[in-house]
């Protein structure tokens, strides 16, 4: 393995990356404190005009990324809570729950 003879030492951030990050920090600080920006963003979300990928990222930052993708063959027998939380019973448990009088 070659020995490093120049450049940044390990762990030193790239200067141009740090400068860009600082610049974007200043831009977003102004953007996020602007009441007009907030009003426009709320309108975009409420009227479903926001790009789906952007909405997905915003929701993940707000509520956390989904824990896992739920795949099932439960033929509509899941509650919304089970779908959202991923707390999905296996097919055998659902068969018992589907029997009349069992809740």
N, C-alpha and C. Protein backbone atom coordinates (compact mmCIF):
# COMPACT_ATOMS: atom_id res chain seq x y z
N UNK A 1 0.84 -1.17 0.00
CA UNK A 1 0.00 0.00 0.00
C UNK A 1 0.89 1.24 0.00
N UNK A 2 0.52 2.23 -0.81
CA UNK A 2 1.30 3.46 -0.90
C UNK A 2 1.10 4.33 0.32
N UNK A 3 2.17 4.99 0.70
CA UNK A 3 2.08 5.93 1.82
C UNK A 3 1.63 7.28 1.29
N UNK A 4 0.72 7.91 2.00
CA UNK A 4 0.19 9.21 1.60
C UNK A 4 1.28 10.26 1.80
N UNK A 5 1.50 11.10 0.78
CA UNK A 5 2.57 12.10 0.87
C UNK A 5 2.05 13.52 0.78
N UNK A 6 0.80 13.74 0.54
CA UNK A 6 0.29 15.10 0.42
C UNK A 6 -1.22 15.14 0.57
N UNK A 7 -1.77 16.33 0.40
CA UNK A 7 -3.22 16.49 0.48
C UNK A 7 -3.70 16.67 1.90
N UNK A 8 -5.00 16.53 2.10
CA UNK A 8 -5.58 16.70 3.43
C UNK A 8 -5.21 15.51 4.32
N UNK A 9 -5.09 15.80 5.60
CA UNK A 9 -4.90 14.70 6.54
C UNK A 9 -6.25 14.03 6.76
N UNK A 10 -6.22 12.81 7.20
CA UNK A 10 -7.46 12.05 7.41
C UNK A 10 -8.39 12.80 8.36
N UNK A 11 -9.66 12.91 7.98
CA UNK A 11 -10.66 13.56 8.81
C UNK A 11 -10.83 15.04 8.55
N UNK A 12 -9.95 15.63 7.75
CA UNK A 12 -10.08 17.05 7.44
C UNK A 12 -11.10 17.22 6.32
N UNK A 13 -12.16 18.04 6.54
CA UNK A 13 -13.17 18.20 5.50
C UNK A 13 -12.63 18.96 4.29
N UNK A 14 -13.18 18.67 3.14
CA UNK A 14 -12.84 19.38 1.91
C UNK A 14 -13.27 20.83 2.08
N UNK A 15 -12.38 21.79 1.77
CA UNK A 15 -12.67 23.20 1.99
C UNK A 15 -13.85 23.66 1.15
N UNK A 16 -13.91 23.26 -0.11
CA UNK A 16 -15.01 23.72 -0.95
C UNK A 16 -16.35 23.15 -0.46
N UNK A 17 -16.33 21.93 0.06
CA UNK A 17 -17.56 21.36 0.61
C UNK A 17 -18.00 22.14 1.84
N UNK A 18 -17.05 22.48 2.70
CA UNK A 18 -17.36 23.25 3.91
C UNK A 18 -17.90 24.64 3.55
N UNK A 19 -17.30 25.27 2.53
CA UNK A 19 -17.77 26.59 2.10
C UNK A 19 -19.18 26.51 1.54
N UNK A 20 -19.46 25.49 0.73
CA UNK A 20 -20.80 25.33 0.17
C UNK A 20 -21.81 25.06 1.28
N UNK A 21 -21.44 24.23 2.25
CA UNK A 21 -22.35 23.94 3.35
C UNK A 21 -22.66 25.21 4.15
N UNK A 22 -21.64 26.04 4.38
CA UNK A 22 -21.85 27.29 5.11
C UNK A 22 -22.76 28.23 4.31
N UNK A 23 -22.53 28.32 3.01
CA UNK A 23 -23.36 29.17 2.15
C UNK A 23 -24.82 28.70 2.18
N UNK A 24 -25.03 27.40 2.01
CA UNK A 24 -26.39 26.87 2.02
C UNK A 24 -27.04 27.07 3.38
N UNK A 25 -26.25 27.00 4.44
CA UNK A 25 -26.78 27.26 5.78
C UNK A 25 -27.33 28.67 5.88
N UNK A 26 -26.59 29.64 5.32
CA UNK A 26 -27.06 31.04 5.34
C UNK A 26 -28.32 31.20 4.50
N UNK A 27 -28.35 30.55 3.33
CA UNK A 27 -29.52 30.65 2.45
C UNK A 27 -30.75 30.07 3.14
N UNK A 28 -30.62 28.86 3.67
CA UNK A 28 -31.78 28.21 4.27
C UNK A 28 -32.21 28.89 5.57
N UNK A 29 -31.29 29.49 6.27
CA UNK A 29 -31.67 30.25 7.46
C UNK A 29 -32.61 31.39 7.08
N UNK A 30 -32.29 32.07 5.97
CA UNK A 30 -33.17 33.16 5.50
C UNK A 30 -34.50 32.60 4.99
N UNK A 31 -34.41 31.50 4.22
CA UNK A 31 -35.62 30.91 3.62
C UNK A 31 -36.57 30.44 4.71
N UNK A 32 -36.06 29.73 5.70
CA UNK A 32 -36.93 29.13 6.70
C UNK A 32 -37.47 30.13 7.71
N UNK A 33 -36.93 31.34 7.74
CA UNK A 33 -37.48 32.36 8.64
C UNK A 33 -38.39 33.33 7.89
N UNK A 34 -38.60 33.09 6.60
CA UNK A 34 -39.44 33.95 5.76
C UNK A 34 -40.89 33.46 5.83
N UNK A 35 -41.81 34.25 6.38
CA UNK A 35 -43.22 33.81 6.48
C UNK A 35 -43.84 33.50 5.12
N UNK A 36 -43.42 34.20 4.09
CA UNK A 36 -43.97 33.95 2.75
C UNK A 36 -43.57 32.56 2.25
N UNK A 37 -42.33 32.16 2.51
CA UNK A 37 -41.87 30.82 2.13
C UNK A 37 -42.70 29.76 2.84
N UNK A 38 -42.92 29.96 4.14
CA UNK A 38 -43.72 29.01 4.91
C UNK A 38 -45.13 28.89 4.34
N UNK A 39 -45.75 30.03 4.02
CA UNK A 39 -47.11 30.02 3.47
C UNK A 39 -47.15 29.27 2.15
N UNK A 40 -46.15 29.53 1.28
CA UNK A 40 -46.13 28.87 -0.03
C UNK A 40 -45.91 27.36 0.12
N UNK A 41 -45.01 26.96 1.03
CA UNK A 41 -44.76 25.53 1.22
C UNK A 41 -46.00 24.82 1.74
N UNK A 42 -46.69 25.45 2.70
CA UNK A 42 -47.92 24.86 3.22
C UNK A 42 -48.95 24.71 2.10
N UNK A 43 -49.09 25.73 1.28
CA UNK A 43 -50.04 25.67 0.16
C UNK A 43 -49.68 24.53 -0.79
N UNK A 44 -48.39 24.39 -1.11
CA UNK A 44 -47.95 23.32 -2.02
C UNK A 44 -48.30 21.94 -1.44
N UNK A 45 -48.09 21.77 -0.14
CA UNK A 45 -48.38 20.48 0.50
C UNK A 45 -49.87 20.22 0.52
N UNK A 46 -50.65 21.19 0.97
CA UNK A 46 -52.10 21.02 1.12
C UNK A 46 -52.77 20.76 -0.23
N UNK A 47 -52.28 21.42 -1.27
CA UNK A 47 -52.89 21.26 -2.59
C UNK A 47 -52.24 20.14 -3.42
N UNK A 48 -51.41 19.32 -2.78
CA UNK A 48 -50.76 18.17 -3.42
C UNK A 48 -49.99 18.56 -4.68
N UNK A 49 -49.31 19.71 -4.64
CA UNK A 49 -48.52 20.15 -5.79
C UNK A 49 -47.03 19.95 -5.57
N UNK A 50 -46.65 19.51 -4.39
CA UNK A 50 -45.24 19.29 -4.09
C UNK A 50 -44.77 18.00 -4.76
N UNK A 51 -43.56 18.01 -5.28
CA UNK A 51 -43.02 16.81 -5.91
C UNK A 51 -43.08 15.65 -4.91
N UNK A 52 -43.54 14.48 -5.32
CA UNK A 52 -43.68 13.35 -4.40
C UNK A 52 -42.39 13.00 -3.67
N UNK A 53 -41.26 13.04 -4.36
CA UNK A 53 -40.00 12.70 -3.72
C UNK A 53 -39.65 13.70 -2.62
N UNK A 54 -39.90 14.97 -2.87
CA UNK A 54 -39.63 16.00 -1.86
C UNK A 54 -40.56 15.81 -0.67
N UNK A 55 -41.82 15.54 -0.92
CA UNK A 55 -42.76 15.30 0.17
C UNK A 55 -42.33 14.09 0.99
N UNK A 56 -41.87 13.06 0.32
CA UNK A 56 -41.41 11.85 1.00
C UNK A 56 -40.25 12.18 1.94
N UNK A 57 -39.29 12.99 1.46
CA UNK A 57 -38.15 13.37 2.29
C UNK A 57 -38.60 14.22 3.47
N UNK A 58 -39.48 15.19 3.21
CA UNK A 58 -39.97 16.06 4.29
C UNK A 58 -40.71 15.24 5.35
N UNK A 59 -41.53 14.31 4.92
CA UNK A 59 -42.26 13.47 5.88
C UNK A 59 -41.31 12.58 6.68
N UNK A 60 -40.27 12.08 6.02
CA UNK A 60 -39.28 11.25 6.73
C UNK A 60 -38.56 12.07 7.79
N UNK A 61 -38.23 13.33 7.48
CA UNK A 61 -37.59 14.17 8.48
C UNK A 61 -38.55 14.50 9.61
N UNK A 62 -39.81 14.66 9.28
CA UNK A 62 -40.80 15.00 10.30
C UNK A 62 -41.14 13.81 11.19
N UNK A 63 -41.49 12.69 10.57
CA UNK A 63 -42.02 11.55 11.31
C UNK A 63 -41.05 10.38 11.40
N UNK A 64 -39.93 10.46 10.72
CA UNK A 64 -39.00 9.33 10.71
C UNK A 64 -39.27 8.47 9.49
N UNK A 65 -38.22 7.87 8.99
CA UNK A 65 -38.35 7.01 7.82
C UNK A 65 -39.13 5.76 8.20
N UNK A 66 -39.89 5.20 7.27
CA UNK A 66 -40.61 3.96 7.57
C UNK A 66 -39.64 2.86 7.99
N UNK A 67 -40.04 2.08 8.97
CA UNK A 67 -39.17 1.02 9.49
C UNK A 67 -38.94 -0.06 8.46
N UNK A 68 -39.97 -0.41 7.73
CA UNK A 68 -39.83 -1.46 6.72
C UNK A 68 -41.02 -1.39 5.78
N UNK A 69 -40.87 -2.06 4.67
CA UNK A 69 -41.96 -2.14 3.71
C UNK A 69 -42.80 -3.36 4.08
N UNK A 70 -44.10 -3.18 4.12
CA UNK A 70 -44.99 -4.28 4.50
C UNK A 70 -45.57 -4.90 3.24
N UNK A 71 -45.30 -6.17 3.07
CA UNK A 71 -45.91 -6.92 1.97
C UNK A 71 -46.81 -7.97 2.61
N UNK A 72 -48.00 -8.11 2.07
CA UNK A 72 -48.91 -9.06 2.68
C UNK A 72 -49.86 -9.63 1.65
N UNK A 73 -50.50 -10.69 2.05
CA UNK A 73 -51.54 -11.31 1.22
C UNK A 73 -52.77 -11.49 2.09
N UNK A 74 -53.10 -10.47 2.86
CA UNK A 74 -54.15 -10.59 3.87
C UNK A 74 -55.53 -10.20 3.38
N UNK A 75 -55.67 -9.97 2.12
CA UNK A 75 -56.97 -9.75 1.49
C UNK A 75 -57.82 -8.69 2.21
N UNK A 76 -57.19 -7.55 2.53
CA UNK A 76 -57.94 -6.45 3.11
C UNK A 76 -58.35 -6.62 4.55
N UNK A 77 -57.77 -7.58 5.25
CA UNK A 77 -58.17 -7.83 6.64
C UNK A 77 -57.24 -7.14 7.64
N UNK A 78 -56.47 -6.16 7.21
CA UNK A 78 -55.59 -5.43 8.12
C UNK A 78 -56.20 -4.08 8.49
N UNK A 79 -55.93 -3.66 9.70
CA UNK A 79 -56.36 -2.33 10.09
C UNK A 79 -55.32 -1.33 9.61
N UNK A 80 -55.71 -0.07 9.54
CA UNK A 80 -54.77 0.98 9.15
C UNK A 80 -53.60 1.02 10.14
N UNK A 81 -53.89 0.85 11.41
CA UNK A 81 -52.83 0.87 12.43
C UNK A 81 -51.81 -0.24 12.16
N UNK A 82 -52.27 -1.43 11.80
CA UNK A 82 -51.34 -2.53 11.52
C UNK A 82 -50.47 -2.22 10.31
N UNK A 83 -51.06 -1.61 9.29
CA UNK A 83 -50.30 -1.28 8.09
C UNK A 83 -49.26 -0.21 8.39
N UNK A 84 -49.67 0.85 9.11
CA UNK A 84 -48.76 1.96 9.40
C UNK A 84 -47.63 1.53 10.32
N UNK A 85 -47.94 0.77 11.35
CA UNK A 85 -46.92 0.38 12.33
C UNK A 85 -46.10 -0.81 11.87
N UNK A 86 -46.59 -1.56 10.88
CA UNK A 86 -45.88 -2.76 10.45
C UNK A 86 -46.14 -3.93 11.37
N UNK A 87 -47.05 -3.77 12.33
CA UNK A 87 -47.39 -4.82 13.27
C UNK A 87 -48.45 -5.72 12.63
N UNK A 88 -47.99 -6.55 11.70
CA UNK A 88 -48.89 -7.35 10.88
C UNK A 88 -48.83 -8.81 11.33
N UNK A 89 -49.97 -9.38 11.70
CA UNK A 89 -49.97 -10.79 12.08
C UNK A 89 -49.70 -11.68 10.87
N UNK A 90 -49.17 -12.88 11.13
CA UNK A 90 -48.95 -13.78 10.00
C UNK A 90 -50.28 -14.38 9.56
N UNK A 91 -50.26 -15.09 8.43
CA UNK A 91 -51.50 -15.61 7.84
C UNK A 91 -52.25 -16.54 8.79
N UNK A 92 -51.55 -17.34 9.59
CA UNK A 92 -52.22 -18.26 10.52
C UNK A 92 -53.00 -17.49 11.58
N UNK A 93 -52.42 -16.44 12.12
CA UNK A 93 -53.10 -15.63 13.12
C UNK A 93 -54.34 -14.96 12.52
N UNK A 94 -54.24 -14.53 11.28
CA UNK A 94 -55.38 -13.88 10.63
C UNK A 94 -56.52 -14.86 10.41
N UNK A 95 -56.21 -16.12 10.11
CA UNK A 95 -57.26 -17.11 9.91
C UNK A 95 -58.07 -17.28 11.18
N UNK A 96 -57.38 -17.29 12.34
CA UNK A 96 -58.08 -17.43 13.63
C UNK A 96 -58.93 -16.19 13.89
N UNK A 97 -58.39 -14.99 13.59
CA UNK A 97 -59.13 -13.76 13.82
C UNK A 97 -60.33 -13.64 12.89
N UNK A 98 -60.27 -14.29 11.73
CA UNK A 98 -61.35 -14.18 10.75
C UNK A 98 -62.53 -15.07 11.11
N UNK A 99 -62.35 -15.99 12.04
CA UNK A 99 -63.45 -16.88 12.42
C UNK A 99 -64.55 -16.08 13.11
N UNK A 100 -65.81 -16.41 12.87
CA UNK A 100 -66.93 -15.68 13.49
C UNK A 100 -66.82 -15.71 15.02
N UNK A 101 -67.04 -14.57 15.64
CA UNK A 101 -67.03 -14.47 17.09
C UNK A 101 -65.66 -14.27 17.69
N UNK A 102 -64.59 -14.31 16.90
CA UNK A 102 -63.24 -14.11 17.42
C UNK A 102 -62.79 -12.70 17.09
N UNK A 103 -62.36 -11.96 18.10
CA UNK A 103 -61.90 -10.57 17.87
C UNK A 103 -60.53 -10.40 18.40
